Protein backbone atom coordinates (compact mmCIF):
# COMPACT_ATOMS: atom_id res chain seq x y z
CA MET A 1 115.32 37.09 -33.35
CA ALA A 2 116.27 36.94 -29.69
CA LYS A 3 114.31 34.82 -27.28
CA ILE A 4 112.70 36.72 -24.41
CA THR A 5 114.01 35.53 -21.05
CA LEU A 6 112.88 36.94 -17.73
CA GLY A 7 115.41 37.53 -14.97
CA LYS A 8 118.35 38.23 -17.32
CA ARG A 9 118.43 42.00 -17.33
CA PRO A 10 121.28 43.79 -19.06
CA LYS A 11 123.75 45.92 -17.09
CA SER A 12 123.71 48.61 -19.77
CA PHE A 13 122.57 49.44 -23.28
CA THR A 14 123.86 51.68 -26.04
CA HIS A 15 121.91 54.46 -27.66
CA SER A 16 122.94 56.99 -30.32
CA ILE A 17 121.78 60.58 -30.36
CA GLU A 18 121.90 63.35 -32.95
CA VAL A 19 121.92 66.96 -31.77
CA ARG A 20 122.13 70.30 -33.54
CA LEU A 21 125.35 72.00 -32.43
CA PRO A 22 125.70 75.78 -31.92
CA GLU A 23 127.31 76.12 -35.38
CA GLY A 24 124.20 74.55 -36.93
CA GLU A 25 125.74 71.20 -37.81
CA ILE A 26 124.37 67.90 -36.55
CA GLY A 27 126.57 66.19 -33.98
CA LYS A 28 126.33 62.46 -33.28
CA MET A 29 127.43 60.44 -30.31
CA LYS A 30 126.91 56.94 -29.00
CA LEU A 31 126.29 56.58 -25.26
CA THR A 32 126.30 53.61 -22.97
CA TYR A 33 123.45 54.00 -20.51
CA LEU A 34 122.95 52.20 -17.20
CA TYR A 35 119.96 49.88 -17.48
CA ARG A 36 117.17 50.42 -14.94
CA THR A 37 113.92 48.52 -14.61
CA ARG A 38 110.72 50.55 -14.80
CA LYS A 39 110.52 50.72 -10.98
CA GLU A 40 114.19 51.65 -10.65
CA PHE A 41 113.76 54.38 -13.25
CA GLY A 42 110.77 55.72 -11.29
CA VAL A 43 112.88 55.94 -8.12
CA PHE A 44 115.64 57.64 -10.11
CA MET A 45 113.21 60.26 -11.43
CA ASP A 46 111.69 60.78 -7.95
CA GLU A 47 115.19 61.56 -6.64
CA LEU A 48 115.69 64.13 -9.38
CA PHE A 49 112.35 65.80 -8.70
CA ASN A 50 112.94 65.78 -4.92
CA VAL A 51 116.35 67.45 -5.26
CA SER A 52 114.96 70.16 -7.55
CA ASN A 53 111.64 70.50 -5.70
CA THR A 54 109.85 70.03 -9.04
CA ARG A 55 106.90 67.81 -9.89
CA PRO A 56 105.34 67.05 -13.28
CA GLU A 57 101.70 68.11 -13.67
CA SER A 58 100.84 64.56 -14.73
CA MET A 59 102.66 61.36 -15.61
CA GLU A 60 102.13 61.98 -19.33
CA PRO A 61 105.51 61.92 -21.12
CA VAL A 62 105.20 65.56 -22.21
CA ASP A 63 104.66 66.73 -18.60
CA VAL A 64 107.44 64.54 -17.24
CA GLU A 65 109.84 65.84 -19.93
CA ALA A 66 108.88 69.45 -19.15
CA ALA A 67 109.41 69.00 -15.40
CA MET A 68 112.71 67.23 -16.01
CA ALA A 69 113.90 69.99 -18.36
CA PHE A 70 112.93 72.63 -15.79
CA ALA A 71 114.68 70.74 -12.99
CA LEU A 72 117.91 70.42 -14.97
CA ALA A 73 118.02 73.52 -17.15
CA SER A 74 119.63 75.95 -14.76
CA MET A 75 122.54 74.07 -13.24
CA VAL A 76 125.65 72.59 -14.82
CA ASP A 77 126.27 70.55 -11.67
CA SER A 78 122.79 69.01 -11.62
CA ASN A 79 123.05 68.12 -15.31
CA ALA A 80 126.43 66.52 -14.70
CA ASP A 81 125.09 64.66 -11.65
CA TYR A 82 122.18 63.28 -13.69
CA ILE A 83 124.41 62.22 -16.58
CA MET A 84 126.91 60.54 -14.25
CA LYS A 85 124.05 58.52 -12.72
CA CYS A 86 122.79 57.20 -16.07
CA VAL A 87 125.71 57.20 -18.54
CA THR A 88 128.63 54.81 -18.19
CA GLY A 89 130.54 55.75 -21.34
CA TRP A 90 130.55 57.52 -24.70
CA ASP A 91 132.35 57.44 -28.03
CA LEU A 92 133.89 60.93 -27.85
CA GLU A 93 137.63 61.51 -28.21
CA THR A 94 137.62 62.87 -24.66
CA GLU A 95 137.58 60.08 -22.08
CA PHE A 96 134.33 59.77 -20.12
CA SER A 97 134.85 61.29 -16.65
CA ARG A 98 133.10 63.66 -14.27
CA ALA A 99 135.32 66.54 -15.42
CA ALA A 100 134.53 65.83 -19.08
CA VAL A 101 130.79 65.64 -18.36
CA GLU A 102 130.92 68.98 -16.52
CA GLN A 103 132.78 70.49 -19.48
CA LEU A 104 130.15 69.16 -21.89
CA CYS A 105 127.32 70.55 -19.71
CA ASN A 106 129.02 73.94 -19.56
CA GLU A 107 130.07 74.22 -23.21
CA LEU A 108 127.17 72.40 -24.89
CA PRO A 109 124.10 72.54 -22.63
CA GLY A 110 121.85 71.49 -25.51
CA VAL A 111 123.82 68.27 -25.92
CA ALA A 112 123.60 67.62 -22.18
CA LEU A 113 119.82 68.05 -22.23
CA ALA A 114 119.60 65.78 -25.31
CA ILE A 115 121.51 63.06 -23.41
CA ILE A 116 119.19 63.43 -20.43
CA SER A 117 116.05 63.40 -22.57
CA SER A 118 117.31 60.45 -24.62
CA TYR A 119 117.88 58.38 -21.49
CA ALA A 120 114.42 59.14 -20.18
CA THR A 121 112.79 58.27 -23.51
CA ALA A 122 114.83 55.10 -24.00
CA SER A 123 114.09 53.97 -20.44
CA ARG A 124 110.35 54.56 -20.80
CA GLU A 125 109.77 53.48 -24.39
CA GLY A 126 112.51 50.99 -25.21
CA ARG A 127 115.62 50.98 -27.30
CA LEU A 128 114.27 50.88 -30.85
CA GLY A 129 116.40 52.02 -33.74
CA ASN A 130 119.88 51.47 -32.27
């Protein structure tokens, strides 16, 4: 068991997701996310909501998730922007880059939203089960 030490925050953390693909199969990928403290994550979410002119009805996770999904659902570019600000790498055969993220958002929007949702959940609730 690791000893808890304050002031030694990680630069990043890995998290795996499973997503149903358009063909019905389950796709898996491992992502490396940028670590943010709770306050930093709050600022990050405020930026997203300010850009999209969207606000959650409350700070309950279900309302935050709904507002985030609404803010990101319509635009490939905004999804790619969000992912580029929180993901630093992945285990896909295609190298992680802005162009590859845009392609993923365009071709597999459900996967893009799963990445976004996974980051929000992992940042709020911790990294259990990795």
